[in-house]
Amino acid sequence: MMKEAMETSDVVVAALAAMGVVVLVIVFVYVVKNTFFPKEDKGPK
């Protein structure tokens, strides 16, 4: 019982960590995109 609870908690922590990393990557890409490729500029022709 205790072991199962620990394993489940580890899975939850791992899932939360993975989601956190994904969110950080998305935010980073969004910021870089807006910094170097602002919406006013439609990009190189």
PDB file of N, CA and C in Angstrom:
ATOM      1  N   MET A   1       0.848  -1.204   0.000  1.00  0.00           N
ATOM      2  CA  MET A   1       0.000   0.000   0.000  1.00  0.00           C
ATOM      3  C   MET A   1       0.880   1.250   0.000  1.00  0.00           C
ATOM      4  N   MET A   2       1.811   1.303   0.954  1.00  0.00           N
ATOM      5  CA  MET A   2       2.697   2.468   1.055  1.00  0.00           C
ATOM      6  C   MET A   2       3.523   2.608  -0.232  1.00  0.00           C
ATOM      7  N   LYS A   3       4.033   1.472  -0.718  1.00  0.00           N
ATOM      8  CA  LYS A   3       4.880   1.513  -1.917  1.00  0.00           C
ATOM      9  C   LYS A   3       4.081   2.037  -3.111  1.00  0.00           C
ATOM     10  N   GLU A   4       2.848   1.572  -3.264  1.00  0.00           N
ATOM     11  CA  GLU A   4       2.010   2.037  -4.377  1.00  0.00           C
ATOM     12  C   GLU A   4       1.795   3.545  -4.295  1.00  0.00           C
ATOM     13  N   ALA A   5       1.525   4.027  -3.098  1.00  0.00           N
ATOM     14  CA  ALA A   5       1.289   5.464  -2.915  1.00  0.00           C
ATOM     15  C   ALA A   5       2.535   6.244  -3.318  1.00  0.00           C
ATOM     16  N   MET A   6       3.704   5.741  -2.921  1.00  0.00           N
ATOM     17  CA  MET A   6       4.952   6.435  -3.262  1.00  0.00           C
ATOM     18  C   MET A   6       5.147   6.457  -4.780  1.00  0.00           C
ATOM     19  N   GLU A   7       4.903   5.325  -5.422  1.00  0.00           N
ATOM     20  CA  GLU A   7       5.083   5.261  -6.877  1.00  0.00           C
ATOM     21  C   GLU A   7       4.120   6.210  -7.581  1.00  0.00           C
ATOM     22  N   THR A   8       2.871   6.237  -7.129  1.00  0.00           N
ATOM     23  CA  THR A   8       1.878   7.132  -7.731  1.00  0.00           C
ATOM     24  C   THR A   8       2.326   8.575  -7.573  1.00  0.00           C
ATOM     25  N   SER A   9       2.799   8.912  -6.371  1.00  0.00           N
ATOM     26  CA  SER A   9       3.253  10.286  -6.107  1.00  0.00           C
ATOM     27  C   SER A   9       4.432  10.621  -7.015  1.00  0.00           C
ATOM     28  N   ASP A  10       5.342   9.667  -7.218  1.00  0.00           N
ATOM     29  CA  ASP A  10       6.487   9.910  -8.104  1.00  0.00           C
ATOM     30  C   ASP A  10       6.006  10.188  -9.526  1.00  0.00           C
ATOM     31  N   VAL A  11       5.009   9.428  -9.978  1.00  0.00           N
ATOM     32  CA  VAL A  11       4.473   9.622 -11.330  1.00  0.00           C
ATOM     33  C   VAL A  11       3.856  11.012 -11.451  1.00  0.00           C
ATOM     34  N   VAL A  12       3.111  11.413 -10.418  1.00  0.00           N
ATOM     35  CA  VAL A  12       2.473  12.738 -10.446  1.00  0.00           C
ATOM     36  C   VAL A  12       3.537  13.826 -10.488  1.00  0.00           C
ATOM     37  N   VAL A  13       4.563  13.696  -9.653  1.00  0.00           N
ATOM     38  CA  VAL A  13       5.644  14.694  -9.625  1.00  0.00           C
ATOM     39  C   VAL A  13       6.338  14.747 -10.984  1.00  0.00           C
ATOM     40  N   ALA A  14       6.603  13.588 -11.574  1.00  0.00           N
ATOM     41  CA  ALA A  14       7.262  13.548 -12.885  1.00  0.00           C
ATOM     42  C   ALA A  14       6.385  14.205 -13.945  1.00  0.00           C
ATOM     43  N   ALA A  15       5.077  13.931 -13.899  1.00  0.00           N
ATOM     44  CA  ALA A  15       4.158  14.523 -14.876  1.00  0.00           C
ATOM     45  C   ALA A  15       4.116  16.037 -14.709  1.00  0.00           C
ATOM     46  N   LEU A  16       4.050  16.503 -13.460  1.00  0.00           N
ATOM     47  CA  LEU A  16       4.023  17.951 -13.211  1.00  0.00           C
ATOM     48  C   LEU A  16       5.323  18.588 -13.696  1.00  0.00           C
ATOM     49  N   ALA A  17       6.448  17.940 -13.438  1.00  0.00           N
ATOM     50  CA  ALA A  17       7.740  18.477 -13.877  1.00  0.00           C
ATOM     51  C   ALA A  17       7.784  18.556 -15.400  1.00  0.00           C
ATOM     52  N   ALA A  18       7.309  17.513 -16.074  1.00  0.00           N
ATOM     53  CA  ALA A  18       7.302  17.504 -17.540  1.00  0.00           C
ATOM     54  C   ALA A  18       6.420  18.628 -18.070  1.00  0.00           C
ATOM     55  N   MET A  19       5.240  18.804 -17.463  1.00  0.00           N
ATOM     56  CA  MET A  19       4.337  19.874 -17.899  1.00  0.00           C
ATOM     57  C   MET A  19       4.989  21.237 -17.678  1.00  0.00           C
ATOM     58  N   GLY A  20       5.674  21.384 -16.543  1.00  0.00           N
ATOM     59  CA  GLY A  20       6.357  22.648 -16.253  1.00  0.00           C
ATOM     60  C   GLY A  20       7.411  22.947 -17.306  1.00  0.00           C
ATOM     61  N   VAL A  21       8.174  21.923 -17.691  1.00  0.00           N
ATOM     62  CA  VAL A  21       9.217  22.111 -18.711  1.00  0.00           C
ATOM     63  C   VAL A  21       8.582  22.512 -20.036  1.00  0.00           C
ATOM     64  N   VAL A  22       7.489  21.844 -20.406  1.00  0.00           N
ATOM     65  CA  VAL A  22       6.807  22.158 -21.671  1.00  0.00           C
ATOM     66  C   VAL A  22       6.323  23.606 -21.664  1.00  0.00           C
ATOM     67  N   VAL A  23       5.718  24.020 -20.544  1.00  0.00           N
ATOM     68  CA  VAL A  23       5.218  25.399 -20.442  1.00  0.00           C
ATOM     69  C   VAL A  23       6.380  26.382 -20.556  1.00  0.00           C
ATOM     70  N   LEU A  24       7.491  26.091 -19.883  1.00  0.00           N
ATOM     71  CA  LEU A  24       8.656  26.985 -19.946  1.00  0.00           C
ATOM     72  C   LEU A  24       9.155  27.100 -21.384  1.00  0.00           C
ATOM     73  N   VAL A  25       9.233  25.979 -22.095  1.00  0.00           N
ATOM     74  CA  VAL A  25       9.703  26.002 -23.487  1.00  0.00           C
ATOM     75  C   VAL A  25       8.761  26.834 -24.353  1.00  0.00           C
ATOM     76  N   ILE A  26       7.450  26.643 -24.173  1.00  0.00           N
ATOM     77  CA  ILE A  26       6.473  27.398 -24.978  1.00  0.00           C
ATOM     78  C   ILE A  26       6.610  28.892 -24.710  1.00  0.00           C
ATOM     79  N   VAL A  27       6.708  29.268 -23.429  1.00  0.00           N
ATOM     80  CA  VAL A  27       6.849  30.686 -23.074  1.00  0.00           C
ATOM     81  C   VAL A  27       8.145  31.238 -23.663  1.00  0.00           C
ATOM     82  N   PHE A  28       9.238  30.481 -23.558  1.00  0.00           N
ATOM     83  CA  PHE A  28      10.533  30.925 -24.085  1.00  0.00           C
ATOM     84  C   PHE A  28      10.445  31.155 -25.592  1.00  0.00           C
ATOM     85  N   VAL A  29       9.865  30.198 -26.316  1.00  0.00           N
ATOM     86  CA  VAL A  29       9.731  30.331 -27.774  1.00  0.00           C
ATOM     87  C   VAL A  29       8.863  31.538 -28.114  1.00  0.00           C
ATOM     88  N   TYR A  30       7.771  31.729 -27.365  1.00  0.00           N
ATOM     89  CA  TYR A  30       6.864  32.859 -27.607  1.00  0.00           C
ATOM     90  C   TYR A  30       7.593  34.183 -27.418  1.00  0.00           C
ATOM     91  N   VAL A  31       8.364  34.288 -26.332  1.00  0.00           N
ATOM     92  CA  VAL A  31       9.099  35.534 -26.049  1.00  0.00           C
ATOM     93  C   VAL A  31      10.146  35.781 -27.131  1.00  0.00           C
ATOM     94  N   VAL A  32      10.912  34.758 -27.486  1.00  0.00           N
ATOM     95  CA  VAL A  32      11.951  34.921 -28.514  1.00  0.00           C
ATOM     96  C   VAL A  32      11.311  35.329 -29.835  1.00  0.00           C
ATOM     97  N   LYS A  33      10.193  34.677 -30.184  1.00  0.00           N
ATOM     98  CA  LYS A  33       9.505  34.979 -31.446  1.00  0.00           C
ATOM     99  C   LYS A  33       9.063  36.443 -31.464  1.00  0.00           C
ATOM    100  N   ASN A  34       8.478  36.915 -30.368  1.00  0.00           N
ATOM    101  CA  ASN A  34       7.989  38.294 -30.325  1.00  0.00           C
ATOM    102  C   ASN A  34       9.142  39.288 -30.248  1.00  0.00           C
ATOM    103  N   THR A  35      10.278  38.867 -29.680  1.00  0.00           N
ATOM    104  CA  THR A  35      11.421  39.779 -29.559  1.00  0.00           C
ATOM    105  C   THR A  35      12.101  39.965 -30.914  1.00  0.00           C
ATOM    106  N   PHE A  36      12.341  38.864 -31.619  1.00  0.00           N
ATOM    107  CA  PHE A  36      13.095  38.942 -32.871  1.00  0.00           C
ATOM    108  C   PHE A  36      12.200  39.047 -34.100  1.00  0.00           C
ATOM    109  N   PHE A  37      10.949  38.608 -33.980  1.00  0.00           N
ATOM    110  CA  PHE A  37      10.031  38.675 -35.116  1.00  0.00           C
ATOM    111  C   PHE A  37       8.721  39.326 -34.674  1.00  0.00           C
ATOM    112  N   PRO A  38       8.734  40.637 -34.425  1.00  0.00           N
ATOM    113  CA  PRO A  38       7.504  41.306 -33.980  1.00  0.00           C
ATOM    114  C   PRO A  38       6.394  41.165 -35.013  1.00  0.00           C
ATOM    115  N   LYS A  39       5.148  41.243 -34.543  1.00  0.00           N
ATOM    116  CA  LYS A  39       3.993  41.018 -35.426  1.00  0.00           C
ATOM    117  C   LYS A  39       3.904  42.085 -36.511  1.00  0.00           C
ATOM    118  N   GLU A  40       4.348  43.331 -36.232  1.00  0.00           N
ATOM    119  CA  GLU A  40       4.277  44.395 -37.245  1.00  0.00           C
ATOM    120  C   GLU A  40       5.108  44.013 -38.471  1.00  0.00           C
ATOM    121  N   ASP A  41       6.221  43.313 -38.219  1.00  0.00           N
ATOM    122  CA  ASP A  41       7.101  42.888 -39.304  1.00  0.00           C
ATOM    123  C   ASP A  41       6.623  41.527 -39.799  1.00  0.00           C
ATOM    124  N   LYS A  42       6.258  41.443 -41.081  1.00  0.00           N
ATOM    125  CA  LYS A  42       5.740  40.178 -41.601  1.00  0.00           C
ATOM    126  C   LYS A  42       6.873  39.218 -41.964  1.00  0.00           C
ATOM    127  N   GLY A  43       8.095  39.586 -41.604  1.00  0.00           N
ATOM    128  CA  GLY A  43       9.230  38.718 -41.893  1.00  0.00           C
ATOM    129  C   GLY A  43       9.875  39.102 -43.209  1.00  0.00           C
ATOM    130  N   PRO A  44      11.053  38.526 -43.483  1.00  0.00           N
ATOM    131  CA  PRO A  44      11.763  38.860 -44.740  1.00  0.00           C
ATOM    132  C   PRO A  44      10.952  38.444 -45.949  1.00  0.00           C
ATOM    133  N   LYS A  45      10.955  39.268 -46.966  1.00  0.00           N
ATOM    134  CA  LYS A  45      10.165  38.971 -48.171  1.00  0.00           C
ATOM    135  C   LYS A  45      10.934  37.998 -49.066  1.00  0.00           C
TER     136      LYS A  45
END
